[in-house]
Amino acid sequence: MSSKERFESALRLEQSDYVPIAPHLGGYNCFSPIAAGYTLADICVADSKKMAKMYLKCYEKYPADWIYPIGGKDTRWFKERSILRVKEGYQVTDLKTGEKEFFSDWEEHRWVLKSFSLEETLEMLEKEAEKTPEEIIKSGQLQVLEILNEKKGKEIMVTGAIGGVTGRAANLTGMEKYLLNLIEKPDILQKLFQKMVDISIAHAHALHKIGIKFISICEYLSGADVISPETYRKVILPYHRQLLERVPKGVYTCFEIGGNIIPIIEEIIATGVSCIWPEMPLRGYDILDIENIVEHIKGRVAIISNFDAVGLLIRGSKEEIESEVKRMLKIGKNTPGFILGTGCSIAWNTPQENVEHFLNFAKKYRQEA
């Protein structure tokens, strides 16, 4: 059974030869560029071909049952900027505004997010929602995935991502305004959600057109630690249902959801999503332990497990990593649709020997479990 067949079998809740292994090696500010011999800054200014090369190098070094890359940049991004290599990074200048941005080789880059009014945000999203799947493909945003799918798509599960419903609304309006608007102006905010559904569906169809069969829906602001379950059910859930209803047929979907999902897990499953990918049980959320989540799911959807990528994988001993891998694989052995993964992307400063040991031990033990 190939890695892709193994992964698809899990998504269909069928028995496979082994539990699929799917660590999230990440993109910007994450493990992939370092593992492939690049700096953090190299990837922030890389075109799609260079980014695809990075992911292929990383896969060769740390082979798993999937590749989950970040998307590339619109080709206009490079036309509208000058990129100058300077000491310990890159100086990027916007040719229209003259604004400068420095990307450091060895420090995580923090993008400055501008805050807009609801009306300004709606106007921007309405314009973006006009793009067709063909225009999205032509823009070059998906070229990384096109290259990876051409090179590795028959062997492993090349995974795409769409933005979900809530994230962009919060980023563009500011988190504080976003949370207040959920209470004070839900009608206007729901107009933003509808545009985000339209944008996400256009991207899903574009991904489908280039041959991507598994799409992760990035949704970090729906957990019960951010909003009440009642607010989720009333304000956001209708758009999650619509999103899943409009995804192209033949595509597997995954909700990549942050925070405490237990109070809304029944509603998430009922959307028709193929897979749930929970956050790690950090911040005191023992309720997100994989055993508890599996018990709630009861084999109704696939699940990507949430191995601790920011604590245990960075600072843990080999014995501690082995112990947690064993525990998860024992749970996964009797769980339909279980996929061994990490609860977030692996950080750039994670010791490479730890990632190598995680993968090697998991591959060995899954044959014995």
Protein backbone atom coordinates (compact mmCIF):
# COMPACT_ATOMS: atom_id res chain seq x y z
CA MET A 1 0.00 0.00 0.00
CA SER A 2 1.44 3.38 -1.00
CA SER A 3 1.47 6.38 1.34
CA LYS A 4 -1.37 7.97 -0.62
CA GLU A 5 -3.47 4.80 -0.56
CA ARG A 6 -2.82 4.48 3.17
CA PHE A 7 -3.89 8.08 3.76
CA GLU A 8 -7.02 7.82 1.62
CA SER A 9 -7.97 4.59 3.35
CA ALA A 10 -7.87 6.39 6.69
CA LEU A 11 -10.00 9.26 5.36
CA ARG A 12 -12.58 6.69 4.20
CA LEU A 13 -12.48 5.11 7.70
CA GLU A 14 -11.25 1.86 6.16
CA GLN A 15 -8.61 -0.53 7.44
CA SER A 16 -5.12 0.17 6.08
CA ASP A 17 -1.83 -1.64 6.50
CA TYR A 18 -0.44 0.92 8.96
CA VAL A 19 -1.47 4.16 10.65
CA PRO A 20 -0.54 7.08 8.32
CA ILE A 21 2.07 9.51 9.63
CA ALA A 22 1.54 13.21 8.92
CA PRO A 23 3.73 15.69 10.84
CA HIS A 24 3.11 19.33 9.90
CA LEU A 25 6.57 20.51 8.85
CA GLY A 26 5.22 23.98 8.08
CA GLY A 27 6.35 26.86 5.88
CA TYR A 28 7.11 30.44 6.94
CA ASN A 29 8.81 30.64 10.35
CA CYS A 30 8.68 26.83 10.56
CA PHE A 31 10.80 23.69 10.27
CA SER A 32 10.72 23.03 6.51
CA PRO A 33 13.13 25.76 5.31
CA ILE A 34 15.71 24.98 7.98
CA ALA A 35 15.52 21.24 7.34
CA ALA A 36 16.00 21.86 3.61
CA GLY A 37 19.09 24.04 4.12
CA TYR A 38 17.50 27.48 3.74
CA THR A 39 17.07 30.39 6.12
CA LEU A 40 13.75 31.72 7.38
CA ALA A 41 14.21 34.79 5.18
CA ASP A 42 14.95 32.74 2.04
CA ILE A 43 11.45 31.30 2.05
CA CYS A 44 9.69 34.57 2.88
CA VAL A 45 10.89 35.96 -0.47
CA ALA A 46 10.96 32.72 -2.47
CA ASP A 47 9.02 32.14 -5.67
CA SER A 48 6.90 29.02 -6.12
CA LYS A 49 9.63 26.95 -7.78
CA LYS A 50 12.05 27.58 -4.94
CA MET A 51 9.37 26.82 -2.35
CA ALA A 52 8.46 23.57 -4.08
CA LYS A 53 12.15 22.64 -4.17
CA MET A 54 12.32 23.29 -0.43
CA TYR A 55 9.39 20.98 0.29
CA LEU A 56 10.81 18.24 -1.93
CA LYS A 57 14.17 18.44 -0.15
CA CYS A 58 12.42 18.32 3.20
CA TYR A 59 10.35 15.30 2.14
CA GLU A 60 13.47 13.45 0.96
CA LYS A 61 15.04 14.04 4.36
CA TYR A 62 11.89 13.41 6.44
CA PRO A 63 9.53 11.23 4.35
CA ALA A 64 5.98 10.91 5.65
CA ASP A 65 2.62 9.92 4.18
CA TRP A 66 1.73 13.48 3.13
CA ILE A 67 3.08 16.90 2.20
CA TYR A 68 1.18 19.91 3.53
CA PRO A 69 2.75 23.09 2.07
CA ILE A 70 1.77 26.70 2.41
CA GLY A 71 0.68 28.31 -0.84
CA GLY A 72 2.95 30.39 -3.01
CA LYS A 73 2.68 34.09 -3.72
CA ASP A 74 0.74 35.76 -6.49
CA THR A 75 3.24 36.57 -9.26
CA ARG A 76 2.25 40.24 -8.92
CA TRP A 77 3.90 40.29 -5.49
CA PHE A 78 7.32 40.00 -7.16
CA LYS A 79 6.52 42.54 -9.89
CA GLU A 80 5.46 45.12 -7.33
CA ARG A 81 8.55 44.80 -5.09
CA SER A 82 12.31 45.01 -5.18
CA ILE A 83 14.17 42.36 -3.17
CA LEU A 84 17.70 43.13 -2.00
CA ARG A 85 19.94 40.67 -0.21
CA VAL A 86 21.55 42.46 2.76
CA LYS A 87 23.44 41.36 5.83
CA GLU A 88 21.53 38.60 7.65
CA GLY A 89 18.37 38.88 5.57
CA TYR A 90 16.46 40.62 2.78
CA GLN A 91 15.24 44.19 2.36
CA VAL A 92 11.94 44.22 0.47
CA THR A 93 10.61 47.52 -0.88
CA ASP A 94 7.09 48.10 -2.20
CA LEU A 95 7.60 49.89 -5.52
CA LYS A 96 4.25 51.69 -5.28
CA THR A 97 4.33 52.96 -1.70
CA GLY A 98 8.04 52.89 -0.91
CA GLU A 99 7.34 50.92 2.27
CA LYS A 100 10.24 48.73 3.37
CA GLU A 101 10.14 45.40 5.17
CA PHE A 102 13.10 43.44 6.54
CA PHE A 103 13.13 39.65 6.59
CA SER A 104 15.70 38.22 8.98
CA ASP A 105 17.55 34.97 8.29
CA TRP A 106 17.26 33.68 11.83
CA GLU A 107 14.39 35.48 13.49
CA GLU A 108 10.70 34.72 12.99
CA HIS A 109 9.06 37.33 10.79
CA ARG A 110 6.03 39.12 12.16
CA TRP A 111 3.80 40.56 9.46
CA VAL A 112 2.26 43.89 10.44
CA LEU A 113 -1.51 43.58 10.13
CA LYS A 114 -3.48 46.74 9.38
CA SER A 115 -6.89 47.12 10.97
CA PHE A 116 -9.82 48.09 8.75
CA SER A 117 -13.44 48.94 9.40
CA LEU A 118 -16.15 46.37 8.70
CA GLU A 119 -17.16 48.33 5.61
CA GLU A 120 -13.60 48.50 4.26
CA THR A 121 -13.09 44.80 4.96
CA LEU A 122 -16.33 43.88 3.20
CA GLU A 123 -15.28 45.92 0.15
CA MET A 124 -11.91 44.12 -0.02
CA LEU A 125 -13.48 40.68 0.35
CA GLU A 126 -16.17 41.45 -2.23
CA LYS A 127 -13.43 42.25 -4.75
CA GLU A 128 -11.51 39.09 -3.89
CA ALA A 129 -14.67 37.00 -4.14
CA GLU A 130 -14.98 37.95 -7.81
CA LYS A 131 -11.96 35.80 -8.72
CA THR A 132 -12.75 32.55 -10.50
CA PRO A 133 -10.89 29.28 -9.88
CA GLU A 134 -9.19 29.75 -13.27
CA GLU A 135 -7.96 33.22 -12.26
CA ILE A 136 -6.64 31.86 -8.97
CA ILE A 137 -4.65 29.20 -10.81
CA LYS A 138 -3.35 31.72 -13.35
CA SER A 139 -2.16 34.04 -10.56
CA GLY A 140 0.52 31.53 -9.56
CA GLN A 141 -0.69 31.13 -5.97
CA LEU A 142 -1.07 27.38 -6.39
CA GLN A 143 2.08 26.68 -8.38
CA VAL A 144 3.82 25.17 -5.34
CA LEU A 145 1.04 22.60 -5.06
CA GLU A 146 0.99 22.01 -8.83
CA ILE A 147 4.70 21.17 -8.81
CA LEU A 148 4.47 18.95 -5.73
CA ASN A 149 1.43 17.14 -7.07
CA GLU A 150 3.15 16.52 -10.39
CA LYS A 151 6.29 15.20 -8.68
CA LYS A 152 4.81 13.30 -5.72
CA GLY A 153 1.04 13.23 -6.10
CA LYS A 154 0.88 9.57 -7.12
CA GLU A 155 2.91 8.47 -4.08
CA ILE A 156 1.77 10.62 -1.15
CA MET A 157 -1.16 12.82 -0.15
CA VAL A 158 -0.39 16.35 -1.34
CA THR A 159 -2.62 18.56 0.79
CA GLY A 160 -3.98 22.02 0.05
CA ALA A 161 -5.53 24.58 2.36
CA ILE A 162 -8.33 27.14 2.26
CA GLY A 163 -8.92 29.99 4.67
CA GLY A 164 -12.16 28.97 6.28
CA VAL A 165 -14.66 31.53 7.54
CA THR A 166 -13.43 33.53 10.53
CA GLY A 167 -9.66 34.07 10.28
CA ARG A 168 -9.51 36.77 7.61
CA ALA A 169 -12.35 38.74 9.22
CA ALA A 170 -10.42 38.83 12.51
CA ASN A 171 -7.10 39.67 10.83
CA LEU A 172 -8.51 42.51 8.75
CA THR A 173 -10.69 44.14 11.41
CA GLY A 174 -8.47 43.38 14.42
CA MET A 175 -9.12 40.70 17.01
CA GLU A 176 -10.72 42.98 19.61
CA LYS A 177 -13.08 44.57 17.06
CA TYR A 178 -13.88 41.16 15.62
CA LEU A 179 -14.93 39.72 18.98
CA LEU A 180 -16.99 42.80 19.82
CA ASN A 181 -18.66 42.69 16.41
CA LEU A 182 -19.71 39.09 17.01
CA ILE A 183 -21.91 40.47 19.79
CA GLU A 184 -22.73 43.98 18.62
CA LYS A 185 -22.84 43.72 14.81
CA PRO A 186 -23.30 40.04 13.90
CA ASP A 187 -25.36 40.91 10.81
CA ILE A 188 -22.51 42.86 9.18
CA LEU A 189 -19.95 40.28 10.28
CA GLN A 190 -22.03 37.55 8.68
CA LYS A 191 -21.74 39.38 5.36
CA LEU A 192 -17.96 38.99 5.73
CA PHE A 193 -18.39 35.31 6.53
CA GLN A 194 -20.46 34.82 3.38
CA LYS A 195 -17.73 36.42 1.27
CA MET A 196 -15.13 34.22 2.97
CA VAL A 197 -17.20 31.15 2.09
CA ASP A 198 -17.32 32.31 -1.54
CA ILE A 199 -13.56 32.97 -1.58
CA SER A 200 -12.75 29.64 0.08
CA ILE A 201 -14.97 27.71 -2.31
CA ALA A 202 -13.33 29.34 -5.35
CA HIS A 203 -9.95 28.25 -3.93
CA ALA A 204 -11.29 24.74 -3.23
CA HIS A 205 -12.42 24.41 -6.85
CA ALA A 206 -9.04 25.73 -8.03
CA LEU A 207 -7.27 23.12 -5.88
CA HIS A 208 -9.56 20.43 -7.28
CA LYS A 209 -8.77 21.52 -10.84
CA ILE A 210 -5.02 21.03 -10.27
CA GLY A 211 -5.60 17.56 -8.81
CA ILE A 212 -5.59 18.12 -5.03
CA LYS A 213 -7.80 15.57 -3.25
CA PHE A 214 -7.39 16.60 0.40
CA ILE A 215 -8.09 20.14 1.62
CA SER A 216 -7.55 21.46 5.13
CA ILE A 217 -9.89 24.25 6.26
CA CYS A 218 -7.93 26.53 8.61
CA GLU A 219 -10.32 27.70 11.33
CA TYR A 220 -8.64 28.87 14.53
CA LEU A 221 -11.30 31.11 16.10
CA SER A 222 -14.27 28.81 16.61
CA GLY A 223 -13.27 26.94 19.76
CA ALA A 224 -15.08 27.41 23.06
CA ASP A 225 -12.04 29.21 24.51
CA VAL A 226 -12.59 32.08 22.03
CA ILE A 227 -16.38 32.24 21.64
CA SER A 228 -19.26 30.55 23.41
CA PRO A 229 -20.69 27.37 21.85
CA GLU A 230 -24.01 29.24 21.53
CA THR A 231 -22.37 32.01 19.46
CA TYR A 232 -20.67 29.41 17.31
CA ARG A 233 -23.92 27.58 16.61
CA LYS A 234 -25.88 30.75 15.89
CA VAL A 235 -23.38 32.90 13.99
CA ILE A 236 -20.65 30.70 12.45
CA LEU A 237 -21.98 27.14 12.06
CA PRO A 238 -24.36 28.02 9.17
CA TYR A 239 -21.35 29.14 7.12
CA HIS A 240 -19.36 26.02 8.00
CA ARG A 241 -22.29 23.92 6.79
CA GLN A 242 -22.51 25.91 3.58
CA LEU A 243 -18.75 25.65 3.04
CA LEU A 244 -18.81 21.86 3.29
CA GLU A 245 -21.89 21.61 1.07
CA ARG A 246 -20.15 23.57 -1.71
CA VAL A 247 -16.77 21.81 -1.69
CA PRO A 248 -16.17 19.93 -4.98
CA LYS A 249 -17.31 16.31 -5.00
CA GLY A 250 -14.51 13.79 -4.62
CA VAL A 251 -12.46 16.04 -2.32
CA TYR A 252 -11.69 15.03 1.26
CA THR A 253 -11.89 17.84 3.82
CA CYS A 254 -10.37 18.51 7.21
CA PHE A 255 -11.27 21.08 9.85
CA GLU A 256 -8.00 22.36 11.32
CA ILE A 257 -9.55 23.91 14.41
CA GLY A 258 -7.80 25.60 17.32
CA GLY A 259 -8.91 25.69 20.92
CA ASN A 260 -11.48 23.65 22.82
CA ILE A 261 -13.66 21.90 20.24
CA ILE A 262 -15.34 19.41 22.60
CA PRO A 263 -18.50 21.51 23.24
CA ILE A 264 -19.08 21.88 19.47
CA ILE A 265 -17.69 18.59 18.20
CA GLU A 266 -21.11 17.13 17.35
CA GLU A 267 -21.92 20.15 15.18
CA ILE A 268 -18.54 19.92 13.44
CA ILE A 269 -19.03 16.24 12.64
CA ALA A 270 -22.54 16.95 11.35
CA THR A 271 -21.17 19.39 8.71
CA GLY A 272 -20.01 16.37 6.71
CA VAL A 273 -16.29 17.08 7.10
CA SER A 274 -14.03 14.06 6.42
CA CYS A 275 -11.49 14.68 9.16
CA ILE A 276 -10.88 16.72 12.32
CA TRP A 277 -7.43 18.03 13.28
CA PRO A 278 -7.42 19.38 16.87
CA GLU A 279 -4.93 21.64 18.58
CA MET A 280 -2.51 20.29 21.17
CA PRO A 281 -3.80 20.03 24.76
CA LEU A 282 -1.89 23.12 25.90
CA ARG A 283 -3.05 26.06 28.04
CA GLY A 284 -4.51 23.60 30.55
CA TYR A 285 -6.83 21.97 28.00
CA ASP A 286 -6.42 18.37 29.11
CA ILE A 287 -9.86 17.91 27.57
CA LEU A 288 -8.08 17.97 24.18
CA ASP A 289 -6.05 14.87 24.99
CA ILE A 290 -6.28 12.64 21.91
CA GLU A 291 -7.87 9.79 23.87
CA ASN A 292 -10.74 12.04 24.95
CA ILE A 293 -11.28 13.42 21.44
CA VAL A 294 -11.28 9.92 19.92
CA GLU A 295 -13.88 8.87 22.49
CA HIS A 296 -16.13 11.76 21.42
CA ILE A 297 -15.68 11.14 17.69
CA LYS A 298 -16.45 7.42 17.99
CA GLY A 299 -15.07 6.58 14.55
CA ARG A 300 -17.49 8.82 12.66
CA VAL A 301 -14.79 10.94 10.98
CA ALA A 302 -11.05 10.60 10.53
CA ILE A 303 -8.74 12.36 12.96
CA ILE A 304 -5.20 13.74 12.73
CA SER A 305 -3.69 13.44 16.19
CA ASN A 306 -2.19 16.35 18.09
CA PHE A 307 1.32 15.31 19.15
CA ASP A 308 2.90 18.17 21.12
CA ALA A 309 5.08 19.94 18.55
CA VAL A 310 5.98 23.01 20.61
CA GLY A 311 6.97 21.36 23.87
CA LEU A 312 7.73 17.66 23.70
CA LEU A 313 9.16 17.60 20.18
CA ILE A 314 11.48 20.53 20.91
CA ARG A 315 12.62 19.75 24.45
CA GLY A 316 11.70 16.13 25.02
CA SER A 317 14.13 13.24 25.31
CA LYS A 318 14.08 10.37 22.83
CA GLU A 319 12.43 8.21 25.47
CA GLU A 320 9.69 10.79 26.09
CA ILE A 321 9.02 11.16 22.36
CA GLU A 322 8.85 7.37 21.99
CA SER A 323 6.46 7.06 24.92
CA GLU A 324 3.96 9.55 23.46
CA VAL A 325 4.22 8.07 19.95
CA LYS A 326 3.51 4.63 21.43
CA ARG A 327 0.51 5.92 23.36
CA MET A 328 -0.98 7.59 20.31
CA LEU A 329 -0.39 4.63 18.00
CA LYS A 330 -1.99 2.26 20.51
CA ILE A 331 -5.05 4.51 20.49
CA GLY A 332 -4.90 4.68 16.70
CA LYS A 333 -4.67 0.93 16.22
CA ASN A 334 -8.33 0.48 17.15
CA THR A 335 -9.59 3.83 15.86
CA PRO A 336 -10.97 4.05 12.29
CA GLY A 337 -9.45 6.96 10.40
CA PHE A 338 -6.61 7.61 12.85
CA ILE A 339 -3.63 9.56 11.44
CA LEU A 340 -0.55 10.30 13.56
CA GLY A 341 0.15 14.02 13.27
CA THR A 342 1.32 17.04 15.20
CA GLY A 343 -1.04 19.53 16.84
CA CYS A 344 0.48 22.44 14.93
CA SER A 345 3.36 23.12 12.55
CA ILE A 346 6.80 22.12 13.78
CA ALA A 347 8.84 25.13 14.90
CA TRP A 348 11.98 26.18 13.02
CA ASN A 349 14.18 25.71 16.13
CA THR A 350 13.12 22.09 16.71
CA PRO A 351 16.18 19.82 16.84
CA GLN A 352 16.32 17.94 13.54
CA GLU A 353 17.35 14.75 15.32
CA ASN A 354 14.09 14.88 17.29
CA VAL A 355 11.98 15.10 14.13
CA GLU A 356 13.99 12.29 12.57
CA HIS A 357 13.53 10.15 15.68
CA PHE A 358 9.78 10.89 15.81
CA LEU A 359 9.36 9.71 12.21
CA ASN A 360 11.67 6.70 12.38
CA PHE A 361 10.26 5.43 15.64
CA ALA A 362 6.66 5.96 14.50
CA LYS A 363 7.28 4.03 11.28
CA LYS A 364 8.88 1.19 13.20
CA TYR A 365 6.34 1.01 16.01
CA ARG A 366 3.25 1.27 13.80
CA GLN A 367 4.26 -2.11 12.33
CA GLU A 368 4.37 -3.62 15.81
CA ALA A 369 1.39 -1.90 17.47
